[in-house]
Amino acid sequence: MKDNTENGNFLNRRQFLKVTAATGAAGAILPASSLLAADGGQKVTLGFVGCAHIHTPGFINLLKDRKDVRVKTVWDHDRERASRRAKELNAAVAEKADEIYADPEIQAVVICAETNRHLDLVLGAARGKKHMFVEKPLGIGSQDSYRMQAAIEKAGLLFTTGYFMRCNPAHIFLKEEIAKGSFGKITRIEGSNCHSGSLGKWFDTEWRWMADPKIAGVGAFGDLGTHSLDIMMWMMGDVESVTAQVKVVTGHYGDCDEAGAALIRFKNGVYGTLTAGWVDVANPVTLQISGTEGYATIINGQLFFTSKKVEGADGKQPWTKLPPAPAAPMHLFVDSVAGKSGLPLVTPKEAAARASVMEAMYAAARSNRWVEPT
C-alpha cells in the first residue's frame, strides 16, 4: 500500500481516487506496516454492512493489510455483491444485517451502503452497540442525520466517517495557525474539490447509484463538496446561512447535478465559497484563506503561506514545515476500537452538521435564496 503522496505533495481528490483504484489505499496516509499489530495479537473483529460505495474495494484492501483485523461477516441487500466482497475478505455472508448486530464477537461495523439506507443501518448498529465507520455523507439531509447522531451518542459508541482531507498535513498546519491568530482577522476562505468523473463516466458500472440523487441524496456537488465543506467548517466553525447553484453539464447521468458553487456565511463573520463537480479536467487550487495579516493557498498540493507573525512565511516558496500526517480515517477508527484513546475521529455531530449545511445548499439552489441550515 502506498502513501498518499505524489512527487512529495499530498494527494488531491482526483489523485486520491486514482491511487485508491490502483492500490486499494482508500485514503491511507501512513504505510499500513506502521500500524500492524504483532502476529498473534488480539484482533479487532468487524462486520461489513453494505458494500455499495465506490471506496469499498479500497477499504477492503486496507483492512486486509492489517494483521490485527478480522472481518467476520458481510451483509448487503444485493446478495451477489455481499458474496463477492465476503470472498475477498474470507468472511461469512449474513442473510440480514441484524445477524451482524446481534453477534457478540463483532465489535464494530463498516457501513458502505447506499446513502438512503444509512438511517436504518446506523440505528440498527446503535441498538446492537456496535462502533461504526459510516462512509460519508452520514445521511440524506438534516433530519435523518441528526437522528443518527442522537442514537450514536446515546449508545456511547465510537464513530467516524471518511473525511480523509483532515489527514492532509497542510490542512492540519493551517488549522493550527488559524488558532494561533497568524492570519489576523480572517475575511474569506475558498474551497474547491473537483474531478472528471462525469467526463470519464466513472459511475457507469456498479457505482451508478452515486449519480442518482434519490439514492445518494446529492449529486456531484454534494458528493465532492462535502469534503471541502468539512475542512472549511473544521477551520471556521458553524455556518449561519448559504446560497448556491448546481447544474447538469453533460447530461450523461440524467438530471443529476454535475457541478455547483456555493456562498457561505459562517457564524464568525467569515465569508466562504465552495465549488465542486465531476466535469473538471484540472483543479489546481484547492484551498485559499485570506486574513488581515496572512494568506495561504494550496496549489497542486503545495502550500504557499504568508504571515506577518511567522518567521520565513513570505509565500515565495512552498511551505514545508508541516506536522506529520495522521493515519487514514479507517486506520484511526480501527485503532480506536482496539483501545487507543485520543485519536482524531470525526464526531457524529460534525458529520450531521455537514449533511445539514449541504441540504441547505441544495435548498438554496432550488429557491434562489439564502437558506439557514437546520
Protein backbone atom coordinates (compact mmCIF):
# COMPACT_ATOMS: atom_id res chain seq x y z
CA MET A 1 0.00 0.00 0.00
CA LYS A 2 1.38 3.39 -0.98
CA ASP A 3 1.49 6.60 0.99
CA ASN A 4 -0.95 9.26 -0.16
CA THR A 5 1.82 11.43 -1.59
CA GLU A 6 2.75 12.09 -5.18
CA ASN A 7 6.04 13.85 -6.01
CA GLY A 8 6.23 14.90 -2.37
CA ASN A 9 2.81 16.56 -2.36
CA PHE A 10 -0.36 15.49 -0.58
CA LEU A 11 -2.85 13.93 -2.96
CA ASN A 12 -5.82 15.94 -4.13
CA ARG A 13 -9.21 14.24 -4.62
CA ARG A 14 -8.53 13.22 -8.23
CA GLN A 15 -5.14 11.69 -7.33
CA PHE A 16 -6.64 10.01 -4.26
CA LEU A 17 -9.20 8.20 -6.37
CA LYS A 18 -6.54 7.15 -8.88
CA VAL A 19 -4.35 5.73 -6.12
CA THR A 20 -7.33 4.01 -4.49
CA ALA A 21 -8.32 2.38 -7.76
CA ALA A 22 -4.78 1.25 -8.46
CA THR A 23 -3.67 0.17 -4.99
CA GLY A 24 -6.70 -0.03 -2.74
CA ALA A 25 -5.12 2.56 -0.45
CA ALA A 26 -8.51 4.13 0.32
CA GLY A 27 -7.07 7.29 1.73
CA ALA A 28 -4.12 5.76 3.56
CA ILE A 29 -1.57 8.35 4.65
CA LEU A 30 0.83 6.21 6.61
CA PRO A 31 2.10 2.86 5.38
CA ALA A 32 -0.03 0.04 6.69
CA SER A 33 3.10 -1.64 8.04
CA SER A 34 3.45 1.15 10.60
CA LEU A 35 0.06 0.27 12.07
CA LEU A 36 0.08 -3.52 12.18
CA ALA A 37 -0.10 -5.42 15.40
CA ALA A 38 2.37 -8.20 16.02
CA ASP A 39 1.39 -11.63 14.77
CA GLY A 40 -0.61 -13.49 17.33
CA GLY A 41 -2.05 -10.37 18.96
CA GLN A 42 -5.73 -9.93 19.71
CA LYS A 43 -7.70 -8.98 16.61
CA VAL A 44 -10.38 -6.36 16.16
CA THR A 45 -13.44 -8.15 14.76
CA LEU A 46 -15.52 -6.20 12.25
CA GLY A 47 -18.60 -6.64 10.13
CA PHE A 48 -19.30 -5.01 6.76
CA VAL A 49 -22.83 -3.67 6.48
CA GLY A 50 -23.41 -2.64 2.89
CA CYS A 51 -20.74 -2.69 0.18
CA ALA A 52 -22.15 -0.25 -2.37
CA HIS A 53 -19.83 2.73 -2.04
CA ILE A 54 -17.07 3.34 -4.57
CA HIS A 55 -14.49 3.29 -1.77
CA THR A 56 -15.46 -0.19 -0.59
CA PRO A 57 -12.69 -2.01 -2.53
CA GLY A 58 -10.10 0.34 -1.09
CA PHE A 59 -11.35 -0.14 2.46
CA ILE A 60 -11.29 -3.91 1.99
CA ASN A 61 -7.70 -3.87 0.81
CA LEU A 62 -6.71 -1.56 3.65
CA LEU A 63 -8.24 -3.86 6.27
CA LYS A 64 -6.72 -6.95 4.67
CA ASP A 65 -3.30 -5.33 5.11
CA ARG A 66 -3.75 -5.21 8.87
CA LYS A 67 -2.79 -8.31 10.81
CA ASP A 68 -4.82 -7.11 13.79
CA VAL A 69 -8.16 -7.07 11.96
CA ARG A 70 -10.63 -9.82 11.16
CA VAL A 71 -13.73 -9.10 9.10
CA LYS A 72 -16.05 -11.88 10.22
CA THR A 73 -19.28 -11.22 8.34
CA VAL A 74 -20.55 -9.23 5.36
CA TRP A 75 -24.09 -8.15 4.56
CA ASP A 76 -25.56 -6.29 1.61
CA HIS A 77 -29.10 -6.18 0.25
CA ASP A 78 -27.55 -7.36 -3.03
CA ARG A 79 -26.61 -10.95 -2.20
CA GLU A 80 -24.20 -11.30 -5.14
CA ARG A 81 -22.31 -8.19 -4.07
CA ALA A 82 -22.14 -9.37 -0.48
CA SER A 83 -20.82 -12.77 -1.56
CA ARG A 84 -18.17 -11.21 -3.79
CA ARG A 85 -16.87 -8.91 -1.06
CA ALA A 86 -17.06 -11.66 1.58
CA LYS A 87 -14.90 -13.88 -0.60
CA GLU A 88 -12.27 -11.14 -0.79
CA LEU A 89 -12.29 -10.91 3.00
CA ASN A 90 -12.56 -14.64 3.70
CA ALA A 91 -15.71 -13.79 5.62
CA ALA A 92 -19.19 -15.25 6.02
CA VAL A 93 -22.29 -13.77 4.41
CA ALA A 94 -25.20 -12.69 6.59
CA GLU A 95 -28.79 -13.00 5.40
CA LYS A 96 -29.78 -9.94 7.43
CA ALA A 97 -27.84 -7.03 8.89
CA ASP A 98 -29.35 -7.88 12.28
CA GLU A 99 -27.22 -11.04 12.34
CA ILE A 100 -24.13 -8.83 12.47
CA TYR A 101 -25.62 -6.52 15.09
CA ALA A 102 -26.53 -9.50 17.29
CA ASP A 103 -23.10 -11.16 17.07
CA PRO A 104 -21.28 -10.51 20.38
CA GLU A 105 -17.92 -11.23 18.76
CA ILE A 106 -18.24 -8.35 16.29
CA GLN A 107 -17.10 -5.14 17.94
CA ALA A 108 -17.67 -2.64 15.14
CA VAL A 109 -19.13 -2.28 11.66
CA VAL A 110 -18.16 -0.55 8.44
CA ILE A 111 -21.24 0.87 6.72
CA CYS A 112 -20.71 1.45 3.00
CA ALA A 113 -24.31 1.08 1.88
CA GLU A 114 -26.22 3.45 -0.37
CA THR A 115 -26.90 6.70 1.49
CA ASN A 116 -30.67 6.21 1.57
CA ARG A 117 -30.10 3.00 3.57
CA HIS A 118 -27.88 4.63 6.21
CA LEU A 119 -30.63 5.58 8.65
CA ASP A 120 -31.95 2.07 9.25
CA LEU A 121 -28.48 0.53 9.26
CA VAL A 122 -26.99 3.08 11.67
CA LEU A 123 -29.95 2.86 14.04
CA GLY A 124 -29.62 -0.93 13.98
CA ALA A 125 -25.91 -0.72 14.74
CA ALA A 126 -26.62 1.65 17.61
CA ARG A 127 -29.18 -0.77 19.08
CA GLY A 128 -26.61 -3.54 18.72
CA LYS A 129 -23.94 -1.42 20.45
CA LYS A 130 -21.57 -1.65 17.51
CA HIS A 131 -18.99 1.07 16.97
CA MET A 132 -19.28 2.32 13.42
CA PHE A 133 -17.41 3.76 10.48
CA VAL A 134 -20.06 5.22 8.17
CA GLU A 135 -18.99 6.38 4.73
CA LYS A 136 -19.95 9.98 4.02
CA PRO A 137 -22.38 11.60 3.87
CA LEU A 138 -23.91 10.45 7.12
CA GLY A 139 -27.44 10.76 5.83
CA ILE A 140 -29.81 12.33 3.34
CA GLY A 141 -30.33 15.74 4.90
CA SER A 142 -30.52 17.00 8.43
CA GLN A 143 -33.49 15.09 9.85
CA ASP A 144 -32.03 11.62 9.24
CA SER A 145 -28.51 12.72 10.13
CA TYR A 146 -29.48 14.24 13.47
CA ARG A 147 -31.48 11.09 14.32
CA MET A 148 -28.36 9.03 13.67
CA GLN A 149 -26.21 11.42 15.68
CA ALA A 150 -28.54 11.15 18.66
CA ALA A 151 -28.63 7.34 18.51
CA ILE A 152 -24.85 7.03 18.26
CA GLU A 153 -24.24 9.45 21.10
CA LYS A 154 -26.91 7.90 23.33
CA ALA A 155 -25.32 4.47 22.87
CA GLY A 156 -21.86 5.88 23.70
CA LEU A 157 -20.28 4.43 20.57
CA LEU A 158 -17.11 5.24 18.66
CA PHE A 159 -17.81 6.78 15.27
CA THR A 160 -16.05 8.33 12.33
CA THR A 161 -16.55 8.90 8.63
CA GLY A 162 -14.35 9.19 5.56
CA TYR A 163 -13.27 12.83 5.68
CA PHE A 164 -9.72 11.94 4.68
CA MET A 165 -8.78 15.56 3.87
CA ARG A 166 -8.29 16.09 7.61
CA CYS A 167 -5.19 13.92 7.22
CA ASN A 168 -3.53 16.47 4.91
CA PRO A 169 -0.59 17.99 6.85
CA ALA A 170 -1.19 21.36 5.15
CA HIS A 171 -4.79 21.42 6.41
CA ILE A 172 -3.66 20.49 9.92
CA PHE A 173 -0.99 23.22 9.83
CA LEU A 174 -3.47 25.86 8.64
CA LYS A 175 -5.99 24.94 11.33
CA GLU A 176 -3.24 25.36 13.94
CA GLU A 177 -2.13 28.73 12.52
CA ILE A 178 -5.72 29.99 12.46
CA ALA A 179 -5.99 29.10 16.16
CA LYS A 180 -2.73 30.98 16.85
CA GLY A 181 -4.01 34.11 15.10
CA SER A 182 -1.38 34.01 12.35
CA PHE A 183 -3.92 35.24 9.78
CA GLY A 184 -5.14 38.18 11.84
CA LYS A 185 -8.83 38.78 11.15
CA ILE A 186 -9.86 36.23 8.54
CA THR A 187 -12.11 37.64 5.83
CA ARG A 188 -12.62 34.74 3.43
CA ILE A 189 -11.99 31.05 2.79
CA GLU A 190 -12.39 29.30 -0.56
CA GLY A 191 -12.52 25.57 -1.13
CA SER A 192 -12.62 23.59 -4.38
CA ASN A 193 -12.89 19.84 -4.90
CA CYS A 194 -13.40 18.67 -8.47
CA HIS A 195 -12.58 15.76 -10.77
CA SER A 196 -13.58 14.44 -14.18
CA GLY A 197 -15.91 11.64 -13.05
CA SER A 198 -18.74 12.52 -15.44
CA LEU A 199 -16.35 13.11 -18.33
CA GLY A 200 -14.74 9.73 -17.66
CA LYS A 201 -18.08 8.01 -16.94
CA TRP A 202 -16.73 6.66 -13.66
CA PHE A 203 -20.16 5.78 -12.32
CA ASP A 204 -21.35 3.67 -15.24
CA THR A 205 -20.90 0.30 -13.54
CA GLU A 206 -21.90 -0.80 -10.04
CA TRP A 207 -21.45 2.75 -8.76
CA ARG A 208 -24.33 4.12 -10.86
CA TRP A 209 -26.43 4.77 -7.74
CA MET A 210 -23.99 7.50 -6.70
CA ALA A 211 -25.25 9.56 -9.66
CA ASP A 212 -28.87 9.15 -8.59
CA PRO A 213 -29.75 11.84 -6.02
CA LYS A 214 -32.83 9.88 -4.89
CA ILE A 215 -30.45 7.20 -3.60
CA ALA A 216 -27.29 9.19 -2.88
CA GLY A 217 -29.10 12.24 -1.54
CA VAL A 218 -26.90 14.55 -3.61
CA GLY A 219 -25.21 14.75 -6.99
CA ALA A 220 -21.67 15.74 -7.87
CA PHE A 221 -21.69 18.98 -5.89
CA GLY A 222 -22.66 17.25 -2.67
CA ASP A 223 -20.54 14.16 -3.26
CA LEU A 224 -17.26 16.05 -3.60
CA GLY A 225 -18.25 19.31 -1.96
CA THR A 226 -18.82 17.70 1.42
CA HIS A 227 -15.06 17.06 1.74
CA SER A 228 -14.08 20.70 1.24
CA LEU A 229 -17.07 21.82 3.30
CA ASP A 230 -15.80 19.65 6.16
CA ILE A 231 -12.37 21.29 6.00
CA MET A 232 -13.86 24.77 5.87
CA MET A 233 -16.16 24.11 8.85
CA TRP A 234 -13.31 22.34 10.69
CA MET A 235 -11.35 25.58 10.40
CA MET A 236 -14.09 28.23 10.58
CA GLY A 237 -16.83 26.69 12.69
CA ASP A 238 -20.58 26.64 12.23
CA VAL A 239 -22.44 28.07 9.26
CA GLU A 240 -25.06 30.80 9.54
CA SER A 241 -26.54 30.69 6.03
CA VAL A 242 -25.78 29.65 2.45
CA THR A 243 -26.83 30.19 -1.12
CA ALA A 244 -25.85 28.05 -4.08
CA GLN A 245 -26.33 26.97 -7.68
CA VAL A 246 -25.97 23.46 -9.11
CA LYS A 247 -26.30 22.33 -12.70
CA VAL A 248 -26.23 19.45 -15.17
CA VAL A 249 -23.38 19.76 -17.68
CA THR A 250 -23.05 16.63 -19.86
CA GLY A 251 -26.41 15.06 -19.09
CA HIS A 252 -24.75 11.65 -19.00
CA TYR A 253 -26.41 10.95 -15.64
CA GLY A 254 -29.77 12.44 -16.45
CA ASP A 255 -30.86 15.21 -14.10
CA CYS A 256 -28.07 14.51 -11.59
CA ASP A 257 -26.12 17.72 -10.96
CA GLU A 258 -22.53 17.59 -12.16
CA ALA A 259 -21.19 20.92 -10.91
CA GLY A 260 -22.05 23.57 -8.36
CA ALA A 261 -20.92 26.56 -6.35
CA ALA A 262 -21.99 28.00 -3.01
CA LEU A 263 -21.54 31.14 -0.95
CA ILE A 264 -21.29 30.63 2.80
CA ARG A 265 -21.72 32.99 5.76
CA PHE A 266 -20.01 31.49 8.79
CA LYS A 267 -21.21 32.45 12.27
CA ASN A 268 -17.81 34.02 13.00
CA GLY A 269 -18.33 36.55 10.19
CA VAL A 270 -16.06 34.92 7.60
CA TYR A 271 -17.36 34.56 4.04
CA GLY A 272 -16.65 31.38 2.12
CA THR A 273 -17.02 29.94 -1.36
CA LEU A 274 -17.27 26.28 -2.22
CA THR A 275 -17.03 24.76 -5.69
CA ALA A 276 -17.27 21.08 -6.58
CA GLY A 277 -18.12 18.88 -9.52
CA TRP A 278 -17.40 15.92 -11.78
CA VAL A 279 -16.68 17.84 -15.01
CA ASP A 280 -13.26 19.41 -14.38
CA VAL A 281 -10.14 18.46 -16.31
CA ALA A 282 -8.00 20.19 -13.64
CA ASN A 283 -8.43 21.52 -10.11
CA PRO A 284 -5.08 23.05 -9.17
CA VAL A 285 -6.19 25.47 -6.43
CA THR A 286 -7.99 23.57 -3.69
CA LEU A 287 -7.96 25.99 -0.74
CA GLN A 288 -7.39 29.70 -0.09
CA ILE A 289 -7.55 31.57 3.20
CA SER A 290 -7.16 35.35 3.45
CA GLY A 291 -6.84 37.50 6.54
CA THR A 292 -5.60 40.94 7.54
CA GLU A 293 -2.18 39.56 8.48
CA GLY A 294 -1.85 36.35 6.49
CA TYR A 295 -2.72 34.44 3.36
CA ALA A 296 -2.49 30.80 2.30
CA THR A 297 -3.22 28.84 -0.83
CA ILE A 298 -2.75 25.20 -1.80
CA ILE A 299 -1.77 24.85 -5.46
CA ASN A 300 -1.18 21.44 -6.98
CA GLY A 301 -0.79 20.02 -3.50
CA GLN A 302 1.80 22.58 -2.38
CA LEU A 303 1.11 25.08 0.40
CA PHE A 304 2.11 28.72 -0.04
CA PHE A 305 1.85 30.63 3.23
CA THR A 306 2.31 34.29 4.09
CA SER A 307 2.06 35.71 7.60
CA LYS A 308 3.45 38.77 9.32
CA LYS A 309 3.55 36.74 12.53
CA VAL A 310 5.51 33.69 11.33
CA GLU A 311 9.20 33.91 10.55
CA GLY A 312 10.05 32.97 6.99
CA ALA A 313 6.41 32.88 5.85
CA ASP A 314 6.76 35.15 2.83
CA GLY A 315 4.76 32.99 0.39
CA LYS A 316 7.55 32.91 -2.19
CA GLN A 317 8.35 29.20 -1.87
CA PRO A 318 6.26 26.18 -0.87
CA TRP A 319 5.90 25.96 2.91
CA THR A 320 7.25 22.62 4.06
CA LYS A 321 7.37 22.99 7.85
CA LEU A 322 4.34 20.79 8.31
CA PRO A 323 3.17 18.38 11.02
CA PRO A 324 3.23 14.65 10.36
CA ALA A 325 0.21 13.13 8.69
CA PRO A 326 -2.06 11.03 10.88
CA ALA A 327 -3.29 7.68 9.69
CA ALA A 328 -6.25 7.40 7.35
CA PRO A 329 -9.73 7.61 8.92
CA MET A 330 -10.25 3.84 8.69
CA HIS A 331 -6.97 3.18 10.50
CA LEU A 332 -7.86 5.72 13.19
CA PHE A 333 -11.23 4.03 13.65
CA VAL A 334 -9.78 0.53 13.98
CA ASP A 335 -7.09 1.76 16.36
CA SER A 336 -9.77 3.44 18.48
CA VAL A 337 -11.82 0.24 18.60
CA ALA A 338 -8.63 -1.56 19.64
CA GLY A 339 -8.39 0.73 22.67
CA LYS A 340 -6.22 3.66 21.63
CA SER A 341 -7.61 6.90 23.02
CA GLY A 342 -7.50 10.50 21.86
CA LEU A 343 -7.35 9.79 18.13
CA PRO A 344 -8.85 12.48 15.85
CA LEU A 345 -12.16 10.91 14.85
CA VAL A 346 -14.94 12.86 13.16
CA THR A 347 -17.79 13.21 15.66
CA PRO A 348 -21.41 12.32 14.87
CA LYS A 349 -22.29 15.98 15.49
CA GLU A 350 -19.78 17.14 12.89
CA ALA A 351 -20.98 14.61 10.32
CA ALA A 352 -24.62 15.60 10.87
CA ALA A 353 -23.81 19.30 10.62
CA ARG A 354 -22.13 18.83 7.23
CA ALA A 355 -25.19 16.98 5.93
CA SER A 356 -27.42 19.77 7.23
CA VAL A 357 -25.39 22.51 5.53
CA MET A 358 -25.28 20.60 2.25
CA GLU A 359 -29.05 20.12 2.41
CA ALA A 360 -29.39 23.89 2.86
CA MET A 361 -27.17 24.48 -0.17
CA TYR A 362 -29.40 22.34 -2.40
CA ALA A 363 -32.50 24.05 -0.99
CA ALA A 364 -30.90 27.41 -1.77
CA ALA A 365 -30.18 26.29 -5.33
CA ARG A 366 -33.84 25.37 -5.83
CA SER A 367 -35.18 28.60 -4.34
CA ASN A 368 -32.51 31.12 -5.43
CA ARG A 369 -32.41 32.38 -1.85
CA TRP A 370 -30.19 32.37 1.22
CA VAL A 371 -31.05 29.43 3.46
CA GLU A 372 -30.16 28.74 7.10
CA PRO A 373 -29.14 25.15 7.93
CA THR A 374 -31.50 23.47 10.37
